[in-house]
Amino acid sequence: MIDHTLHTLTCRTAPKLLVRKAITIFYSVLAAAEVVVPISNYISTPKTARLDKPTLLQIAAFRDLKQAGQIQARLRKAGLSSAQVVERQTSTGAWFLVRTSPFSTYAELKQAINLAEKLNFHPRSIQLNSE
């Protein structure tokens, strides 16, 4: 009877002891692997930071000019006044791209991205080659 009781207690407490041991090991490894970065290493991007290259946003692409025009109007109404429709001819026909004019500062670009995302668009940034 005593052996059975001891066996039952061991089976119930052993997993708990193993879990406690694993947790102890985990936190000791975590503490040993901690990386402390001095706050002085972080440098915020200034609001006036200029982009390396002029960058525009492509917001949408359509086969139909009317659809592209509707999106352009929607973006302009929301405050993205540089939205425009650009036609591109490809081997499969015409595409009407809804794009912005190029931005030169990070703040302008970020503001335009945020506005487009607010309207449920996911714009693609396109860096222009400086010539």
C-alpha atoms as a PDB file:
ATOM      1  CA  MET A   1       0.000   0.000   0.000  1.00  0.00           C
ATOM      2  CA  ILE A   2       2.817   2.392   0.839  1.00  0.00           C
ATOM      3  CA  ASP A   3       4.570   1.599  -2.465  1.00  0.00           C
ATOM      4  CA  HIS A   4       1.364   2.352  -4.379  1.00  0.00           C
ATOM      5  CA  THR A   5       0.887   5.668  -2.552  1.00  0.00           C
ATOM      6  CA  LEU A   6       4.518   6.634  -3.128  1.00  0.00           C
ATOM      7  CA  HIS A   7       4.217   5.704  -6.796  1.00  0.00           C
ATOM      8  CA  THR A   8       1.028   7.815  -7.147  1.00  0.00           C
ATOM      9  CA  LEU A   9       2.632  10.839  -5.449  1.00  0.00           C
ATOM     10  CA  THR A  10       5.743  10.526  -7.608  1.00  0.00           C
ATOM     11  CA  CYS A  11       3.697  10.332 -10.826  1.00  0.00           C
ATOM     12  CA  ARG A  12       1.731  13.423  -9.872  1.00  0.00           C
ATOM     13  CA  THR A  13       4.608  15.563  -8.633  1.00  0.00           C
ATOM     14  CA  ALA A  14       7.364  14.526 -11.036  1.00  0.00           C
ATOM     15  CA  PRO A  15       5.909  16.401 -14.059  1.00  0.00           C
ATOM     16  CA  LYS A  16       5.516  19.542 -11.951  1.00  0.00           C
ATOM     17  CA  LEU A  17       9.124  19.306 -10.804  1.00  0.00           C
ATOM     18  CA  LEU A  18      10.300  18.849 -14.391  1.00  0.00           C
ATOM     19  CA  VAL A  19       8.303  21.864 -15.534  1.00  0.00           C
ATOM     20  CA  ARG A  20       9.725  23.994 -12.707  1.00  0.00           C
ATOM     21  CA  LYS A  21      13.236  22.841 -13.590  1.00  0.00           C
ATOM     22  CA  ALA A  22      12.681  23.638 -17.294  1.00  0.00           C
ATOM     23  CA  ILE A  23      11.354  27.103 -16.442  1.00  0.00           C
ATOM     24  CA  THR A  24      14.345  27.763 -14.198  1.00  0.00           C
ATOM     25  CA  ILE A  25      16.754  26.719 -16.958  1.00  0.00           C
ATOM     26  CA  PHE A  26      14.896  28.787 -19.562  1.00  0.00           C
ATOM     27  CA  TYR A  27      15.074  31.985 -17.509  1.00  0.00           C
ATOM     28  CA  SER A  28      18.734  31.485 -16.637  1.00  0.00           C
ATOM     29  CA  VAL A  29      19.570  31.038 -20.345  1.00  0.00           C
ATOM     30  CA  LEU A  30      17.417  34.057 -21.202  1.00  0.00           C
ATOM     31  CA  ALA A  31      19.192  36.237 -18.641  1.00  0.00           C
ATOM     32  CA  ALA A  32      22.611  35.118 -19.920  1.00  0.00           C
ATOM     33  CA  ALA A  33      21.677  35.909 -23.522  1.00  0.00           C
ATOM     34  CA  GLU A  34      20.249  39.387 -22.810  1.00  0.00           C
ATOM     35  CA  VAL A  35      21.582  42.145 -25.034  1.00  0.00           C
ATOM     36  CA  VAL A  36      21.549  45.643 -23.600  1.00  0.00           C
ATOM     37  CA  VAL A  37      21.666  48.428 -26.189  1.00  0.00           C
ATOM     38  CA  PRO A  38      22.463  51.923 -24.975  1.00  0.00           C
ATOM     39  CA  ILE A  39      19.671  54.375 -25.765  1.00  0.00           C
ATOM     40  CA  SER A  40      22.225  56.728 -27.301  1.00  0.00           C
ATOM     41  CA  ASN A  41      22.594  54.282 -30.254  1.00  0.00           C
ATOM     42  CA  TYR A  42      19.080  55.093 -31.484  1.00  0.00           C
ATOM     43  CA  ILE A  43      18.852  58.076 -33.791  1.00  0.00           C
ATOM     44  CA  SER A  44      15.417  59.206 -34.870  1.00  0.00           C
ATOM     45  CA  THR A  45      14.900  60.097 -38.515  1.00  0.00           C
ATOM     46  CA  PRO A  46      14.475  63.865 -38.683  1.00  0.00           C
ATOM     47  CA  LYS A  47      11.212  65.085 -40.199  1.00  0.00           C
ATOM     48  CA  THR A  48      13.187  66.983 -42.828  1.00  0.00           C
ATOM     49  CA  ALA A  49      15.330  63.998 -43.861  1.00  0.00           C
ATOM     50  CA  ARG A  50      15.787  63.881 -47.589  1.00  0.00           C
ATOM     51  CA  LEU A  51      15.442  60.630 -49.497  1.00  0.00           C
ATOM     52  CA  ASP A  52      18.517  59.247 -51.251  1.00  0.00           C
ATOM     53  CA  LYS A  53      16.586  59.213 -54.517  1.00  0.00           C
ATOM     54  CA  PRO A  54      13.279  60.808 -55.503  1.00  0.00           C
ATOM     55  CA  THR A  55      10.574  58.242 -54.755  1.00  0.00           C
ATOM     56  CA  LEU A  56       7.037  57.924 -56.059  1.00  0.00           C
ATOM     57  CA  LEU A  57       4.202  55.638 -55.045  1.00  0.00           C
ATOM     58  CA  GLN A  58       2.313  53.336 -57.344  1.00  0.00           C
ATOM     59  CA  ILE A  59      -1.052  52.862 -55.726  1.00  0.00           C
ATOM     60  CA  ALA A  60      -2.998  50.814 -58.271  1.00  0.00           C
ATOM     61  CA  ALA A  61      -2.986  49.531 -61.855  1.00  0.00           C
ATOM     62  CA  PHE A  62      -6.016  48.963 -64.073  1.00  0.00           C
ATOM     63  CA  ARG A  63      -6.813  47.967 -67.631  1.00  0.00           C
ATOM     64  CA  ASP A  64      -9.707  50.427 -67.620  1.00  0.00           C
ATOM     65  CA  LEU A  65      -9.005  54.178 -67.681  1.00  0.00           C
ATOM     66  CA  LYS A  66     -12.316  54.922 -65.953  1.00  0.00           C
ATOM     67  CA  GLN A  67     -11.420  52.778 -62.933  1.00  0.00           C
ATOM     68  CA  ALA A  68      -8.011  54.416 -62.663  1.00  0.00           C
ATOM     69  CA  GLY A  69      -9.639  57.855 -62.857  1.00  0.00           C
ATOM     70  CA  GLN A  70     -12.046  56.955 -60.050  1.00  0.00           C
ATOM     71  CA  ILE A  71      -9.192  55.932 -57.764  1.00  0.00           C
ATOM     72  CA  GLN A  72      -7.256  59.067 -58.663  1.00  0.00           C
ATOM     73  CA  ALA A  73     -10.284  61.210 -57.758  1.00  0.00           C
ATOM     74  CA  ARG A  74     -10.743  59.323 -54.484  1.00  0.00           C
ATOM     75  CA  LEU A  75      -7.085  59.876 -53.537  1.00  0.00           C
ATOM     76  CA  ARG A  76      -7.192  63.553 -54.429  1.00  0.00           C
ATOM     77  CA  LYS A  77     -10.384  64.027 -52.426  1.00  0.00           C
ATOM     78  CA  ALA A  78      -8.639  62.439 -49.425  1.00  0.00           C
ATOM     79  CA  GLY A  79      -5.751  64.905 -49.736  1.00  0.00           C
ATOM     80  CA  LEU A  80      -3.216  63.229 -52.020  1.00  0.00           C
ATOM     81  CA  SER A  81      -3.166  65.990 -54.605  1.00  0.00           C
ATOM     82  CA  SER A  82      -0.218  64.548 -56.547  1.00  0.00           C
ATOM     83  CA  ALA A  83      -2.185  61.426 -57.593  1.00  0.00           C
ATOM     84  CA  GLN A  84      -2.166  60.975 -61.365  1.00  0.00           C
ATOM     85  CA  VAL A  85      -2.957  58.363 -63.993  1.00  0.00           C
ATOM     86  CA  VAL A  86      -0.095  57.251 -66.228  1.00  0.00           C
ATOM     87  CA  GLU A  87      -0.659  55.024 -69.277  1.00  0.00           C
ATOM     88  CA  ARG A  88       1.856  52.255 -70.013  1.00  0.00           C
ATOM     89  CA  GLN A  89       1.777  50.118 -73.132  1.00  0.00           C
ATOM     90  CA  THR A  90       2.884  46.517 -72.713  1.00  0.00           C
ATOM     91  CA  SER A  91       2.890  43.474 -74.971  1.00  0.00           C
ATOM     92  CA  THR A  92      -0.499  42.556 -73.491  1.00  0.00           C
ATOM     93  CA  GLY A  93      -2.055  45.988 -74.001  1.00  0.00           C
ATOM     94  CA  ALA A  94      -2.476  49.228 -72.084  1.00  0.00           C
ATOM     95  CA  TRP A  95      -2.261  49.579 -68.308  1.00  0.00           C
ATOM     96  CA  PHE A  96      -3.397  52.668 -66.439  1.00  0.00           C
ATOM     97  CA  LEU A  97      -1.221  53.215 -63.380  1.00  0.00           C
ATOM     98  CA  VAL A  98      -2.353  55.367 -60.470  1.00  0.00           C
ATOM     99  CA  ARG A  99       0.800  57.020 -59.176  1.00  0.00           C
ATOM    100  CA  THR A 100       1.974  60.043 -57.253  1.00  0.00           C
ATOM    101  CA  SER A 101       4.517  62.629 -58.239  1.00  0.00           C
ATOM    102  CA  PRO A 102       7.984  61.946 -56.803  1.00  0.00           C
ATOM    103  CA  PHE A 103       8.659  62.849 -53.164  1.00  0.00           C
ATOM    104  CA  SER A 104      11.991  64.210 -51.998  1.00  0.00           C
ATOM    105  CA  THR A 105      11.601  63.965 -48.210  1.00  0.00           C
ATOM    106  CA  TYR A 106      10.901  61.021 -45.974  1.00  0.00           C
ATOM    107  CA  ALA A 107       8.088  62.887 -44.188  1.00  0.00           C
ATOM    108  CA  GLU A 108       6.180  63.563 -47.435  1.00  0.00           C
ATOM    109  CA  LEU A 109       6.549  59.957 -48.547  1.00  0.00           C
ATOM    110  CA  LYS A 110       5.433  58.562 -45.171  1.00  0.00           C
ATOM    111  CA  GLN A 111       2.413  60.890 -45.099  1.00  0.00           C
ATOM    112  CA  ALA A 112       1.344  59.744 -48.582  1.00  0.00           C
ATOM    113  CA  ILE A 113       1.787  56.069 -47.650  1.00  0.00           C
ATOM    114  CA  ASN A 114      -0.294  56.530 -44.503  1.00  0.00           C
ATOM    115  CA  LEU A 115      -3.057  58.284 -46.449  1.00  0.00           C
ATOM    116  CA  ALA A 116      -3.147  55.539 -49.108  1.00  0.00           C
ATOM    117  CA  GLU A 117      -3.204  52.803 -46.446  1.00  0.00           C
ATOM    118  CA  LYS A 118      -6.042  54.592 -44.660  1.00  0.00           C
ATOM    119  CA  LEU A 119      -8.030  54.136 -47.898  1.00  0.00           C
ATOM    120  CA  ASN A 120      -7.107  50.410 -47.949  1.00  0.00           C
ATOM    121  CA  PHE A 121      -4.460  50.673 -50.661  1.00  0.00           C
ATOM    122  CA  HIS A 122      -1.015  49.136 -50.321  1.00  0.00           C
ATOM    123  CA  PRO A 123       1.252  51.397 -52.372  1.00  0.00           C
ATOM    124  CA  ARG A 124       4.569  50.326 -53.806  1.00  0.00           C
ATOM    125  CA  SER A 125       7.512  52.723 -53.458  1.00  0.00           C
ATOM    126  CA  ILE A 126       9.481  53.253 -56.655  1.00  0.00           C
ATOM    127  CA  GLN A 127      12.862  54.976 -56.472  1.00  0.00           C
ATOM    128  CA  LEU A 128      13.753  56.987 -59.539  1.00  0.00           C
ATOM    129  CA  ASN A 129      17.264  56.993 -60.923  1.00  0.00           C
ATOM    130  CA  SER A 130      18.940  60.373 -60.474  1.00  0.00           C
ATOM    131  CA  GLU A 131      20.394  61.468 -63.758  1.00  0.00           C
END
